[in-house]
Structure formats: C-alpha cells, structure tokens
C-alpha cells in the first residue's frame, strides 16, 4: 500500500511491480530538490528542465532492473549527475561549433544569470535562509566554483544528501567529498567578499550578516 510514510525504496519497488501511483509519489517528493541540483549544475533553466525530464524518463526505463541495494536518492542523483555531465559535454561541443554565431539575446532563460533563473520556492528555507540582496550574489559565487566543488556543495546544502551518499553519487571517496566541500566554502567566502557581501559563510552554506 502506497502512503506518505512509504520509503523511497519501497515506492520504487512498487513502481517496478506496476504501481504508477508509487512513481507519482516519488516525483512529488524529489522533483524540486533534483531540479535545483540540475539547475545549479547546468546554470540554465531550459537545459535543466530538459535534463530533469531525461532523469525521470531514465528512472522509468530503468525500473525493471532496479534493486534496492542503495538509497533511492543515491540512485536518482547519480542518474541526474551523469545526464548533467553529458549535457555539459554536448553544450561545449555546440559552443565550439558556433563560436562565430551571434550571441543569444537577453530574452529567454537560456541567457539569464543563474540567480535570476532560480525559482524562489527552490531553496530550503532552513538551510538557505539569506535575504533577497545576498541570494543572487551567492548564486553567482556558486556558479563560479569548479564543477566538482559546486556539485558537492549543492548536493549537501540544497539537497541535504549525506557525505557518504555524495561519495557514491560522484564516485570518489568520502574524504575527497569533504575536501571538495571545504574548498567550496573557502571559494564561496572569497567570491562573496569580492562581490561586496558583508559577513561570512557559515558551515551550512548560509551567509551571516556582519
């Protein structure tokens, strides 16, 4: 029986057995956090929406082979991450092939800064509680991080994924994940200072006003 207390893993097994309602619950439960991860990885809303759709389609297609050997979140974020990497690779090829093409206009999400493209409802109010002035600056600082640091920060601070799971998603050791998180925090502090933000960055990624 599918209910609000049913674990992700049991829901996925139920979906594998043919219960479409179980999949709907999984999507409602994780769509926003997965989208936020993808959006901050790609930096563009249009591409993020495409990758999000591809992620859930791959979940559907992979359902017959699904086994609850790991947490569902580890599995779905691994799928999303791999699709983000593929998307970034395709985008780099596209940009290399169109270096002389006219620059896209200001209209549309594809050309908008990351901070403007982010949905307001996407930030967890407890973990991402910063004011309207600081928020876009933090997003700009986040977008400037190396990809490997940014993904760890987003998975930890926006999606609430434990370091052990992040290590599985990114296929590196837990110590490496923690090191990348430390470098991410240091990089964000430096970039925020350059952007004129008064205060410091707390260990959970929030800005603390001076």
N, C-alpha and C. Protein backbone atom coordinates (compact mmCIF):
# COMPACT_ATOMS: atom_id res chain seq x y z
N UNK A 1 0.85 -1.21 0.00
CA UNK A 1 0.00 0.00 0.00
C UNK A 1 0.88 1.25 0.00
N UNK A 2 0.69 2.12 -0.98
CA UNK A 2 1.48 3.35 -1.09
C UNK A 2 0.90 4.41 -0.18
N UNK A 3 1.76 5.03 0.63
CA UNK A 3 1.33 6.09 1.52
C UNK A 3 2.44 7.09 1.73
N UNK A 4 2.14 8.21 2.42
CA UNK A 4 3.16 9.25 2.63
C UNK A 4 4.36 8.79 3.44
N UNK A 5 4.20 7.72 4.23
CA UNK A 5 5.31 7.23 5.05
C UNK A 5 6.11 6.13 4.37
N UNK A 6 5.68 5.71 3.18
CA UNK A 6 6.37 4.65 2.47
C UNK A 6 7.75 5.12 2.04
N UNK A 7 8.77 4.32 2.27
CA UNK A 7 10.13 4.70 1.91
C UNK A 7 10.29 4.82 0.41
N UNK A 8 11.29 5.58 0.01
CA UNK A 8 11.57 5.74 -1.42
C UNK A 8 11.84 4.39 -2.08
N UNK A 9 12.60 3.58 -1.38
CA UNK A 9 12.98 2.29 -1.95
C UNK A 9 11.76 1.38 -2.17
N UNK A 10 10.85 1.35 -1.20
CA UNK A 10 9.63 0.55 -1.35
C UNK A 10 8.73 1.12 -2.45
N UNK A 11 8.73 2.44 -2.57
CA UNK A 11 7.96 3.06 -3.65
C UNK A 11 8.50 2.65 -5.02
N UNK A 12 9.82 2.66 -5.13
CA UNK A 12 10.42 2.30 -6.41
C UNK A 12 10.17 0.83 -6.73
N UNK A 13 10.23 -0.02 -5.72
CA UNK A 13 9.93 -1.43 -5.94
C UNK A 13 8.46 -1.63 -6.33
N UNK A 14 7.58 -0.82 -5.73
CA UNK A 14 6.16 -0.89 -6.08
C UNK A 14 5.94 -0.43 -7.51
N UNK A 15 6.66 0.61 -7.90
CA UNK A 15 6.56 1.08 -9.29
C UNK A 15 7.08 0.02 -10.25
N UNK A 16 8.17 -0.62 -9.88
CA UNK A 16 8.71 -1.70 -10.71
C UNK A 16 7.68 -2.82 -10.91
N UNK A 17 6.85 -3.01 -9.87
CA UNK A 17 5.82 -4.05 -9.93
C UNK A 17 4.57 -3.58 -10.67
N UNK A 18 4.56 -2.30 -11.10
CA UNK A 18 3.43 -1.84 -11.90
C UNK A 18 2.53 -0.80 -11.27
N UNK A 19 2.90 -0.30 -10.08
CA UNK A 19 2.06 0.68 -9.39
C UNK A 19 2.48 2.09 -9.82
N UNK A 20 1.74 2.69 -10.73
CA UNK A 20 2.07 4.01 -11.25
C UNK A 20 1.96 5.09 -10.18
N UNK A 21 1.09 4.89 -9.18
CA UNK A 21 0.94 5.87 -8.11
C UNK A 21 2.24 6.03 -7.32
N UNK A 22 2.97 4.94 -7.19
CA UNK A 22 4.24 5.00 -6.45
C UNK A 22 5.23 5.94 -7.14
N UNK A 23 5.26 5.90 -8.46
CA UNK A 23 6.14 6.80 -9.20
C UNK A 23 5.72 8.25 -9.02
N UNK A 24 4.41 8.51 -9.03
CA UNK A 24 3.92 9.87 -8.83
C UNK A 24 4.35 10.41 -7.47
N UNK A 25 4.32 9.56 -6.45
CA UNK A 25 4.75 9.99 -5.11
C UNK A 25 6.24 10.33 -5.12
N UNK A 26 7.05 9.49 -5.77
CA UNK A 26 8.49 9.74 -5.85
C UNK A 26 8.79 11.07 -6.55
N UNK A 27 8.08 11.33 -7.63
CA UNK A 27 8.30 12.58 -8.37
C UNK A 27 7.93 13.77 -7.50
N UNK A 28 6.77 13.72 -6.85
CA UNK A 28 6.36 14.83 -5.98
C UNK A 28 7.36 15.04 -4.85
N UNK A 29 7.89 13.95 -4.33
CA UNK A 29 8.78 14.01 -3.18
C UNK A 29 10.15 14.60 -3.53
N UNK A 30 10.62 14.34 -4.74
CA UNK A 30 12.02 14.69 -5.06
C UNK A 30 12.20 15.64 -6.24
N UNK A 31 11.12 15.99 -6.91
CA UNK A 31 11.28 16.80 -8.12
C UNK A 31 12.01 18.11 -7.87
N UNK A 32 11.61 18.85 -6.85
CA UNK A 32 12.20 20.18 -6.60
C UNK A 32 13.68 20.09 -6.27
N UNK A 33 14.04 19.19 -5.37
CA UNK A 33 15.45 19.09 -4.97
C UNK A 33 16.32 18.60 -6.12
N UNK A 34 15.82 17.65 -6.90
CA UNK A 34 16.59 17.16 -8.05
C UNK A 34 16.73 18.28 -9.09
N UNK A 35 15.65 19.02 -9.30
CA UNK A 35 15.71 20.13 -10.26
C UNK A 35 16.71 21.19 -9.82
N UNK A 36 16.73 21.52 -8.53
CA UNK A 36 17.66 22.52 -8.04
C UNK A 36 19.10 22.09 -8.25
N UNK A 37 19.37 20.80 -8.03
CA UNK A 37 20.72 20.29 -8.27
C UNK A 37 21.08 20.43 -9.75
N UNK A 38 20.19 20.01 -10.62
CA UNK A 38 20.45 20.07 -12.06
C UNK A 38 20.61 21.52 -12.51
N UNK A 39 19.76 22.40 -12.01
CA UNK A 39 19.82 23.81 -12.41
C UNK A 39 21.14 24.44 -12.02
N UNK A 40 21.61 24.15 -10.82
CA UNK A 40 22.87 24.72 -10.38
C UNK A 40 24.06 24.05 -11.04
N UNK A 41 23.88 22.85 -11.52
CA UNK A 41 24.95 22.18 -12.26
C UNK A 41 25.06 22.76 -13.67
N UNK A 42 23.93 22.90 -14.35
CA UNK A 42 23.95 23.37 -15.73
C UNK A 42 24.02 24.89 -15.84
N UNK A 43 23.41 25.60 -14.88
CA UNK A 43 23.41 27.06 -14.92
C UNK A 43 22.37 27.68 -15.81
N UNK A 44 21.52 26.86 -16.44
CA UNK A 44 20.50 27.38 -17.35
C UNK A 44 19.19 26.63 -17.13
N UNK A 45 18.12 27.38 -17.00
CA UNK A 45 16.82 26.77 -16.71
C UNK A 45 16.35 25.84 -17.83
N UNK A 46 16.46 26.29 -19.07
CA UNK A 46 15.94 25.47 -20.18
C UNK A 46 16.65 24.12 -20.23
N UNK A 47 17.98 24.14 -20.13
CA UNK A 47 18.71 22.88 -20.15
C UNK A 47 18.38 22.05 -18.92
N UNK A 48 18.22 22.71 -17.78
CA UNK A 48 17.92 21.99 -16.54
C UNK A 48 16.57 21.27 -16.65
N UNK A 49 15.60 21.92 -17.25
CA UNK A 49 14.29 21.29 -17.41
C UNK A 49 14.37 20.08 -18.34
N UNK A 50 15.20 20.19 -19.38
CA UNK A 50 15.39 19.06 -20.29
C UNK A 50 16.05 17.89 -19.56
N UNK A 51 17.09 18.20 -18.79
CA UNK A 51 17.80 17.14 -18.06
C UNK A 51 16.90 16.52 -17.00
N UNK A 52 16.09 17.34 -16.35
CA UNK A 52 15.17 16.81 -15.35
C UNK A 52 14.21 15.80 -15.99
N UNK A 53 13.67 16.16 -17.15
CA UNK A 53 12.76 15.25 -17.85
C UNK A 53 13.48 13.96 -18.24
N UNK A 54 14.72 14.10 -18.72
CA UNK A 54 15.51 12.92 -19.09
C UNK A 54 15.77 12.04 -17.86
N UNK A 55 15.99 12.69 -16.71
CA UNK A 55 16.26 11.94 -15.48
C UNK A 55 15.08 11.05 -15.12
N UNK A 56 13.87 11.61 -15.11
CA UNK A 56 12.71 10.82 -14.75
C UNK A 56 12.38 9.78 -15.81
N UNK A 57 12.65 10.10 -17.07
CA UNK A 57 12.44 9.11 -18.12
C UNK A 57 13.39 7.92 -17.93
N UNK A 58 14.62 8.23 -17.53
CA UNK A 58 15.58 7.14 -17.31
C UNK A 58 15.19 6.32 -16.09
N UNK A 59 14.61 6.97 -15.07
CA UNK A 59 14.11 6.23 -13.91
C UNK A 59 13.04 5.24 -14.36
N UNK A 60 12.15 5.71 -15.22
CA UNK A 60 11.07 4.84 -15.73
C UNK A 60 11.66 3.67 -16.52
N UNK A 61 12.57 4.00 -17.43
CA UNK A 61 13.14 2.95 -18.28
C UNK A 61 13.98 1.96 -17.49
N UNK A 62 14.60 2.42 -16.40
CA UNK A 62 15.47 1.55 -15.62
C UNK A 62 14.73 0.80 -14.52
N UNK A 63 13.45 1.08 -14.37
CA UNK A 63 12.67 0.45 -13.29
C UNK A 63 12.73 -1.07 -13.30
N UNK A 64 12.66 -1.74 -14.45
CA UNK A 64 12.69 -3.21 -14.44
C UNK A 64 13.98 -3.79 -13.84
N UNK A 65 15.09 -3.04 -13.92
CA UNK A 65 16.36 -3.53 -13.40
C UNK A 65 16.66 -2.99 -12.00
N UNK A 66 15.76 -2.16 -11.45
CA UNK A 66 16.04 -1.53 -10.16
C UNK A 66 16.08 -2.57 -9.03
N UNK A 67 17.10 -2.44 -8.19
CA UNK A 67 17.21 -3.23 -6.96
C UNK A 67 17.57 -2.29 -5.84
N UNK A 68 16.97 -2.50 -4.68
CA UNK A 68 17.18 -1.59 -3.55
C UNK A 68 18.49 -1.87 -2.83
N UNK A 69 19.59 -1.84 -3.58
CA UNK A 69 20.91 -2.07 -2.98
C UNK A 69 21.45 -0.80 -2.35
N UNK A 70 21.02 0.33 -2.82
CA UNK A 70 21.43 1.63 -2.28
C UNK A 70 20.18 2.48 -2.11
N UNK A 71 20.32 3.62 -1.44
CA UNK A 71 19.19 4.51 -1.25
C UNK A 71 18.71 5.01 -2.61
N UNK A 72 17.42 5.23 -2.72
CA UNK A 72 16.85 5.73 -3.97
C UNK A 72 17.47 7.07 -4.34
N UNK A 73 17.69 7.93 -3.33
CA UNK A 73 18.26 9.25 -3.62
C UNK A 73 19.65 9.12 -4.24
N UNK A 74 20.46 8.18 -3.74
CA UNK A 74 21.78 7.97 -4.33
C UNK A 74 21.64 7.58 -5.79
N UNK A 75 20.70 6.69 -6.07
CA UNK A 75 20.49 6.21 -7.43
C UNK A 75 20.01 7.32 -8.36
N UNK A 76 19.01 8.09 -7.93
CA UNK A 76 18.44 9.10 -8.82
C UNK A 76 19.40 10.27 -9.02
N UNK A 77 20.16 10.65 -7.98
CA UNK A 77 21.13 11.74 -8.15
C UNK A 77 22.30 11.31 -9.02
N UNK A 78 22.65 10.03 -8.98
CA UNK A 78 23.69 9.53 -9.87
C UNK A 78 23.22 9.63 -11.32
N UNK A 79 21.97 9.26 -11.57
CA UNK A 79 21.40 9.40 -12.91
C UNK A 79 21.41 10.86 -13.35
N UNK A 80 20.94 11.74 -12.48
CA UNK A 80 20.88 13.17 -12.81
C UNK A 80 22.27 13.73 -13.07
N UNK A 81 23.23 13.36 -12.25
CA UNK A 81 24.60 13.87 -12.41
C UNK A 81 25.18 13.42 -13.74
N UNK A 82 25.02 12.15 -14.07
CA UNK A 82 25.57 11.65 -15.32
C UNK A 82 24.95 12.35 -16.53
N UNK A 83 23.65 12.61 -16.45
CA UNK A 83 22.98 13.33 -17.53
C UNK A 83 23.45 14.78 -17.61
N UNK A 84 23.73 15.39 -16.46
CA UNK A 84 24.27 16.75 -16.45
C UNK A 84 25.64 16.80 -17.12
N UNK A 85 26.48 15.82 -16.81
CA UNK A 85 27.81 15.75 -17.42
C UNK A 85 27.68 15.60 -18.94
N UNK A 86 26.77 14.71 -19.37
CA UNK A 86 26.55 14.53 -20.80
C UNK A 86 26.05 15.82 -21.45
N UNK A 87 25.13 16.51 -20.76
CA UNK A 87 24.59 17.76 -21.29
C UNK A 87 25.68 18.82 -21.40
N UNK A 88 26.55 18.90 -20.39
CA UNK A 88 27.63 19.89 -20.40
C UNK A 88 28.60 19.60 -21.55
N UNK A 89 28.86 18.32 -21.80
CA UNK A 89 29.76 17.94 -22.88
C UNK A 89 29.16 18.32 -24.24
N UNK A 90 27.87 18.04 -24.40
CA UNK A 90 27.20 18.39 -25.66
C UNK A 90 27.16 19.91 -25.85
N UNK A 91 26.95 20.63 -24.75
CA UNK A 91 26.90 22.09 -24.84
C UNK A 91 28.25 22.66 -25.23
N UNK A 92 29.33 22.09 -24.69
CA UNK A 92 30.67 22.57 -25.04
C UNK A 92 30.96 22.34 -26.52
N UNK A 93 30.51 21.20 -27.04
CA UNK A 93 30.66 20.93 -28.46
C UNK A 93 29.86 21.92 -29.29
N UNK A 94 28.63 22.20 -28.83
CA UNK A 94 27.77 23.13 -29.57
C UNK A 94 28.38 24.53 -29.60
N UNK A 95 28.92 24.95 -28.45
CA UNK A 95 29.52 26.28 -28.39
C UNK A 95 30.77 26.36 -29.25
N UNK A 96 31.56 25.28 -29.26
CA UNK A 96 32.77 25.26 -30.08
C UNK A 96 32.43 25.34 -31.56
N UNK A 97 31.28 24.75 -31.92
CA UNK A 97 30.87 24.73 -33.33
C UNK A 97 30.20 26.02 -33.76
N UNK A 98 29.87 26.87 -32.81
CA UNK A 98 29.15 28.11 -33.17
C UNK A 98 29.81 29.34 -32.55
N UNK A 99 31.14 29.34 -32.51
CA UNK A 99 31.85 30.47 -31.91
C UNK A 99 31.59 31.77 -32.63
N UNK A 100 31.33 31.68 -33.93
CA UNK A 100 31.11 32.90 -34.71
C UNK A 100 29.63 33.24 -34.85
N UNK A 101 28.77 32.43 -34.21
CA UNK A 101 27.34 32.71 -34.30
C UNK A 101 27.00 33.91 -33.43
N UNK A 102 25.93 34.65 -33.76
CA UNK A 102 25.52 35.79 -32.94
C UNK A 102 25.19 35.35 -31.52
N UNK A 103 25.52 36.19 -30.57
CA UNK A 103 25.22 35.89 -29.17
C UNK A 103 23.72 35.92 -28.94
N UNK A 104 23.23 34.98 -28.14
CA UNK A 104 21.80 34.93 -27.85
C UNK A 104 21.37 36.22 -27.17
N UNK A 105 20.15 36.65 -27.46
CA UNK A 105 19.63 37.88 -26.87
C UNK A 105 19.34 37.71 -25.40
N UNK A 106 18.94 38.79 -24.78
CA UNK A 106 18.70 38.76 -23.34
C UNK A 106 17.40 38.07 -22.99
N UNK A 107 16.54 37.86 -24.00
CA UNK A 107 15.26 37.26 -23.72
C UNK A 107 15.41 35.75 -23.56
N UNK A 108 14.57 35.16 -22.70
CA UNK A 108 14.61 33.71 -22.52
C UNK A 108 15.53 33.34 -21.38
N UNK A 109 15.27 32.19 -20.78
CA UNK A 109 16.02 31.76 -19.62
C UNK A 109 17.43 31.34 -19.96
N UNK A 110 17.67 30.90 -21.22
CA UNK A 110 18.98 30.35 -21.55
C UNK A 110 20.09 31.37 -21.37
N UNK A 111 19.77 32.66 -21.56
CA UNK A 111 20.79 33.67 -21.44
C UNK A 111 20.77 34.41 -20.11
N UNK A 112 19.94 33.99 -19.21
CA UNK A 112 19.81 34.69 -17.93
C UNK A 112 20.82 34.20 -16.93
N UNK A 113 21.28 35.09 -16.03
CA UNK A 113 22.17 34.65 -14.97
C UNK A 113 21.49 33.59 -14.11
N UNK A 114 22.31 32.73 -13.52
CA UNK A 114 21.77 31.64 -12.71
C UNK A 114 20.87 32.15 -11.61
N UNK A 115 21.29 33.21 -10.93
CA UNK A 115 20.50 33.72 -9.82
C UNK A 115 19.11 34.17 -10.22
N UNK A 116 18.98 34.68 -11.46
CA UNK A 116 17.67 35.12 -11.94
C UNK A 116 16.82 33.95 -12.37
N UNK A 117 17.44 32.88 -12.84
CA UNK A 117 16.68 31.75 -13.35
C UNK A 117 16.17 30.85 -12.25
N UNK A 118 16.77 30.93 -11.06
CA UNK A 118 16.37 30.03 -9.98
C UNK A 118 14.98 30.35 -9.47
N UNK A 119 14.15 29.34 -9.27
CA UNK A 119 12.81 29.58 -8.71
C UNK A 119 12.92 29.90 -7.24
N UNK A 120 12.12 30.86 -6.78
CA UNK A 120 12.18 31.26 -5.38
C UNK A 120 11.84 30.12 -4.44
N UNK A 121 10.93 29.24 -4.87
CA UNK A 121 10.50 28.19 -3.97
C UNK A 121 11.50 27.06 -3.86
N UNK A 122 12.58 27.13 -4.65
CA UNK A 122 13.51 26.01 -4.67
C UNK A 122 14.43 25.92 -3.48
N UNK A 123 14.64 27.01 -2.74
CA UNK A 123 15.60 26.99 -1.65
C UNK A 123 14.93 26.54 -0.37
N UNK A 124 15.53 25.55 0.27
CA UNK A 124 15.03 25.11 1.57
C UNK A 124 15.13 26.29 2.54
N UNK A 125 14.02 26.72 3.16
CA UNK A 125 14.05 27.93 3.99
C UNK A 125 14.95 27.80 5.21
N UNK A 126 15.17 26.59 5.71
CA UNK A 126 16.02 26.43 6.89
C UNK A 126 17.50 26.42 6.53
N UNK A 127 17.85 25.83 5.38
CA UNK A 127 19.24 25.70 5.00
C UNK A 127 19.70 26.81 4.08
N UNK A 128 18.76 27.52 3.45
CA UNK A 128 19.15 28.55 2.50
C UNK A 128 18.56 29.90 2.85
N UNK A 129 18.53 30.21 4.14
CA UNK A 129 17.85 31.43 4.58
C UNK A 129 18.78 32.65 4.45
N UNK A 130 18.78 33.26 3.31
CA UNK A 130 19.51 34.51 3.15
C UNK A 130 18.62 35.51 2.44
N UNK A 131 18.90 36.81 2.62
CA UNK A 131 17.97 37.82 2.14
C UNK A 131 18.04 38.01 0.62
N UNK A 132 17.10 38.79 0.11
CA UNK A 132 16.96 38.94 -1.34
C UNK A 132 18.18 39.58 -1.98
N UNK A 133 18.90 40.42 -1.25
CA UNK A 133 20.09 41.06 -1.81
C UNK A 133 21.24 40.08 -1.94
N UNK A 134 21.40 39.23 -0.93
CA UNK A 134 22.54 38.32 -0.90
C UNK A 134 22.32 37.12 -1.81
N UNK A 135 21.08 36.69 -1.94
CA UNK A 135 20.80 35.44 -2.67
C UNK A 135 21.38 35.40 -4.07
N UNK A 136 21.11 36.40 -4.93
CA UNK A 136 21.69 36.33 -6.28
C UNK A 136 23.21 36.39 -6.28
N UNK A 137 23.79 37.08 -5.30
CA UNK A 137 25.25 37.13 -5.21
C UNK A 137 25.81 35.77 -4.83
N UNK A 138 25.13 35.07 -3.93
CA UNK A 138 25.57 33.72 -3.56
C UNK A 138 25.46 32.79 -4.76
N UNK A 139 24.40 32.94 -5.56
CA UNK A 139 24.25 32.10 -6.74
C UNK A 139 25.36 32.38 -7.75
N UNK A 140 25.74 33.65 -7.89
CA UNK A 140 26.85 33.99 -8.79
C UNK A 140 28.14 33.39 -8.29
N UNK A 141 28.35 33.47 -6.98
CA UNK A 141 29.56 32.90 -6.39
C UNK A 141 29.58 31.39 -6.58
N UNK A 142 28.42 30.78 -6.41
CA UNK A 142 28.32 29.33 -6.56
C UNK A 142 28.62 28.91 -8.00
N UNK A 143 28.10 29.67 -8.95
CA UNK A 143 28.32 29.35 -10.36
C UNK A 143 29.78 29.47 -10.75
N UNK A 144 30.56 30.25 -9.99
CA UNK A 144 31.98 30.44 -10.31
C UNK A 144 32.87 29.31 -9.79
N UNK A 145 32.32 28.44 -8.94
CA UNK A 145 33.12 27.34 -8.40
C UNK A 145 33.43 26.30 -9.46
N UNK A 146 34.54 25.58 -9.29
CA UNK A 146 34.78 24.43 -10.18
C UNK A 146 33.63 23.44 -10.06
N UNK A 147 33.33 22.75 -11.14
CA UNK A 147 32.18 21.86 -11.19
C UNK A 147 32.18 20.84 -10.05
N UNK A 148 33.35 20.24 -9.77
CA UNK A 148 33.41 19.18 -8.75
C UNK A 148 33.10 19.72 -7.36
N UNK A 149 33.45 20.98 -7.10
CA UNK A 149 33.14 21.58 -5.80
C UNK A 149 31.68 22.01 -5.74
N UNK A 150 31.19 22.56 -6.84
CA UNK A 150 29.81 23.04 -6.87
C UNK A 150 28.82 21.90 -6.66
N UNK A 151 29.05 20.77 -7.31
CA UNK A 151 28.10 19.67 -7.19
C UNK A 151 28.05 19.14 -5.77
N UNK A 152 29.22 19.07 -5.09
CA UNK A 152 29.24 18.61 -3.70
C UNK A 152 28.48 19.58 -2.82
N UNK A 153 28.72 20.87 -3.00
CA UNK A 153 28.05 21.89 -2.19
C UNK A 153 26.53 21.82 -2.38
N UNK A 154 26.10 21.72 -3.63
CA UNK A 154 24.66 21.70 -3.92
C UNK A 154 24.00 20.44 -3.36
N UNK A 155 24.64 19.29 -3.55
CA UNK A 155 24.09 18.05 -3.03
C UNK A 155 23.97 18.08 -1.52
N UNK A 156 24.97 18.67 -0.87
CA UNK A 156 24.97 18.70 0.59
C UNK A 156 24.04 19.77 1.14
N UNK A 157 24.14 20.99 0.64
CA UNK A 157 23.44 22.11 1.27
C UNK A 157 22.05 22.38 0.71
N UNK A 158 21.80 22.05 -0.53
CA UNK A 158 20.48 22.29 -1.11
C UNK A 158 19.62 21.03 -1.12
N UNK A 159 20.27 19.87 -1.30
CA UNK A 159 19.51 18.62 -1.35
C UNK A 159 19.60 17.83 -0.05
N UNK A 160 20.51 18.20 0.84
CA UNK A 160 20.61 17.55 2.13
C UNK A 160 21.14 16.12 2.07
N UNK A 161 21.94 15.81 1.06
CA UNK A 161 22.48 14.46 0.90
C UNK A 161 23.70 14.30 1.81
N UNK A 162 23.78 13.22 2.59
CA UNK A 162 24.94 12.99 3.46
C UNK A 162 26.22 12.81 2.64
N UNK A 163 27.37 13.10 3.26
CA UNK A 163 28.65 12.99 2.56
C UNK A 163 28.87 11.57 2.01
N UNK A 164 28.47 10.56 2.78
CA UNK A 164 28.68 9.19 2.34
C UNK A 164 27.94 8.92 1.02
N UNK A 165 26.71 9.42 0.91
CA UNK A 165 25.94 9.24 -0.32
C UNK A 165 26.52 10.06 -1.47
N UNK A 166 26.98 11.27 -1.15
CA UNK A 166 27.58 12.11 -2.19
C UNK A 166 28.80 11.40 -2.78
N UNK A 167 29.55 10.72 -1.92
CA UNK A 167 30.72 9.96 -2.39
C UNK A 167 30.29 8.90 -3.39
N UNK A 168 29.17 8.25 -3.13
CA UNK A 168 28.66 7.23 -4.06
C UNK A 168 28.18 7.86 -5.36
N UNK A 169 27.49 9.00 -5.25
CA UNK A 169 26.98 9.68 -6.44
C UNK A 169 28.12 10.14 -7.34
N UNK A 170 29.16 10.70 -6.74
CA UNK A 170 30.26 11.29 -7.51
C UNK A 170 31.40 10.31 -7.76
N UNK A 171 31.30 9.10 -7.19
CA UNK A 171 32.30 8.03 -7.42
C UNK A 171 33.70 8.42 -6.94
N UNK A 172 33.76 9.09 -5.78
CA UNK A 172 35.04 9.39 -5.14
C UNK A 172 34.92 9.03 -3.67
N UNK A 173 36.03 9.11 -2.93
CA UNK A 173 36.00 8.76 -1.52
C UNK A 173 35.28 9.83 -0.70
N UNK A 174 34.82 9.43 0.48
CA UNK A 174 34.14 10.38 1.35
C UNK A 174 35.09 11.49 1.78
N UNK A 175 36.37 11.17 2.00
CA UNK A 175 37.35 12.20 2.36
C UNK A 175 37.52 13.21 1.24
N UNK A 176 37.49 12.73 0.00
CA UNK A 176 37.58 13.65 -1.14
C UNK A 176 36.38 14.57 -1.20
N UNK A 177 35.21 14.02 -0.92
CA UNK A 177 33.98 14.82 -0.90
C UNK A 177 34.09 15.92 0.15
N UNK A 178 34.54 15.56 1.35
CA UNK A 178 34.67 16.55 2.42
C UNK A 178 35.70 17.61 2.06
N UNK A 179 36.78 17.19 1.40
CA UNK A 179 37.79 18.15 0.97
C UNK A 179 37.22 19.12 -0.06
N UNK A 180 36.44 18.60 -1.00
CA UNK A 180 35.81 19.47 -2.00
C UNK A 180 34.83 20.43 -1.36
N UNK A 181 34.14 19.97 -0.34
CA UNK A 181 33.20 20.84 0.37
C UNK A 181 33.96 21.97 1.06
N UNK A 182 35.07 21.63 1.68
CA UNK A 182 35.87 22.65 2.35
C UNK A 182 36.38 23.70 1.36
N UNK A 183 36.88 23.23 0.22
CA UNK A 183 37.35 24.16 -0.80
C UNK A 183 36.20 24.99 -1.37
N UNK A 184 35.03 24.38 -1.48
CA UNK A 184 33.86 25.11 -1.98
C UNK A 184 33.50 26.26 -1.04
N UNK A 185 33.49 25.97 0.26
CA UNK A 185 33.18 27.01 1.25
C UNK A 185 34.21 28.13 1.21
N UNK A 186 35.49 27.76 1.09
CA UNK A 186 36.54 28.77 1.02
C UNK A 186 36.39 29.61 -0.24
N UNK A 187 36.09 28.95 -1.36
CA UNK A 187 35.90 29.67 -2.61
C UNK A 187 34.71 30.60 -2.57
N UNK A 188 33.63 30.15 -1.95
CA UNK A 188 32.44 30.99 -1.84
C UNK A 188 32.70 32.21 -0.96
N UNK A 189 33.43 32.01 0.13
CA UNK A 189 33.77 33.14 1.00
C UNK A 189 34.57 34.19 0.24
N UNK A 190 35.57 33.74 -0.53
CA UNK A 190 36.39 34.68 -1.28
C UNK A 190 35.57 35.42 -2.32
N UNK A 191 34.75 34.67 -3.05
CA UNK A 191 33.97 35.28 -4.12
C UNK A 191 32.93 36.25 -3.57
N UNK A 192 32.29 35.89 -2.46
CA UNK A 192 31.31 36.79 -1.85
C UNK A 192 31.97 38.07 -1.37
N UNK A 193 33.18 37.95 -0.83
CA UNK A 193 33.92 39.14 -0.40
C UNK A 193 34.20 40.04 -1.60
N UNK A 194 34.57 39.45 -2.73
CA UNK A 194 34.81 40.22 -3.95
C UNK A 194 33.54 40.91 -4.43
N UNK A 195 32.39 40.28 -4.18
CA UNK A 195 31.11 40.84 -4.61
C UNK A 195 30.55 41.84 -3.60
N UNK A 196 31.29 42.06 -2.51
CA UNK A 196 30.90 43.08 -1.55
C UNK A 196 29.91 42.64 -0.50
N UNK A 197 29.82 41.33 -0.25
CA UNK A 197 28.91 40.85 0.78
C UNK A 197 29.58 40.98 2.13
N UNK A 198 28.94 41.72 3.04
CA UNK A 198 29.45 41.88 4.40
C UNK A 198 29.04 40.67 5.22
N UNK A 199 29.99 40.02 5.82
CA UNK A 199 29.68 38.86 6.63
C UNK A 199 30.45 37.66 6.15
N UNK A 200 30.13 36.49 6.69
CA UNK A 200 30.86 35.28 6.39
C UNK A 200 29.90 34.20 5.96
N UNK A 201 30.44 33.10 5.50
CA UNK A 201 29.63 31.97 5.10
C UNK A 201 29.71 30.92 6.17
N UNK A 202 28.57 30.56 6.72
CA UNK A 202 28.52 29.55 7.77
C UNK A 202 28.84 28.18 7.19
N UNK A 203 29.07 27.22 8.07
CA UNK A 203 29.44 25.89 7.62
C UNK A 203 28.32 25.20 6.85
N UNK A 204 27.08 25.66 7.01
CA UNK A 204 25.98 25.04 6.28
C UNK A 204 25.67 25.80 5.00
N UNK A 205 26.55 26.76 4.62
CA UNK A 205 26.36 27.43 3.35
C UNK A 205 25.57 28.71 3.42
N UNK A 206 25.07 29.08 4.60
CA UNK A 206 24.31 30.31 4.71
C UNK A 206 25.25 31.49 4.90
N UNK A 207 24.78 32.68 4.48
CA UNK A 207 25.56 33.88 4.72
C UNK A 207 25.13 34.46 6.05
N UNK A 208 26.13 34.96 6.78
CA UNK A 208 25.86 35.54 8.08
C UNK A 208 26.18 37.02 8.00
N UNK A 209 25.17 37.86 8.16
CA UNK A 209 25.35 39.30 8.02
C UNK A 209 26.28 39.82 9.10
N UNK A 210 27.10 40.77 8.70
CA UNK A 210 28.00 41.36 9.68
C UNK A 210 27.29 42.44 10.42
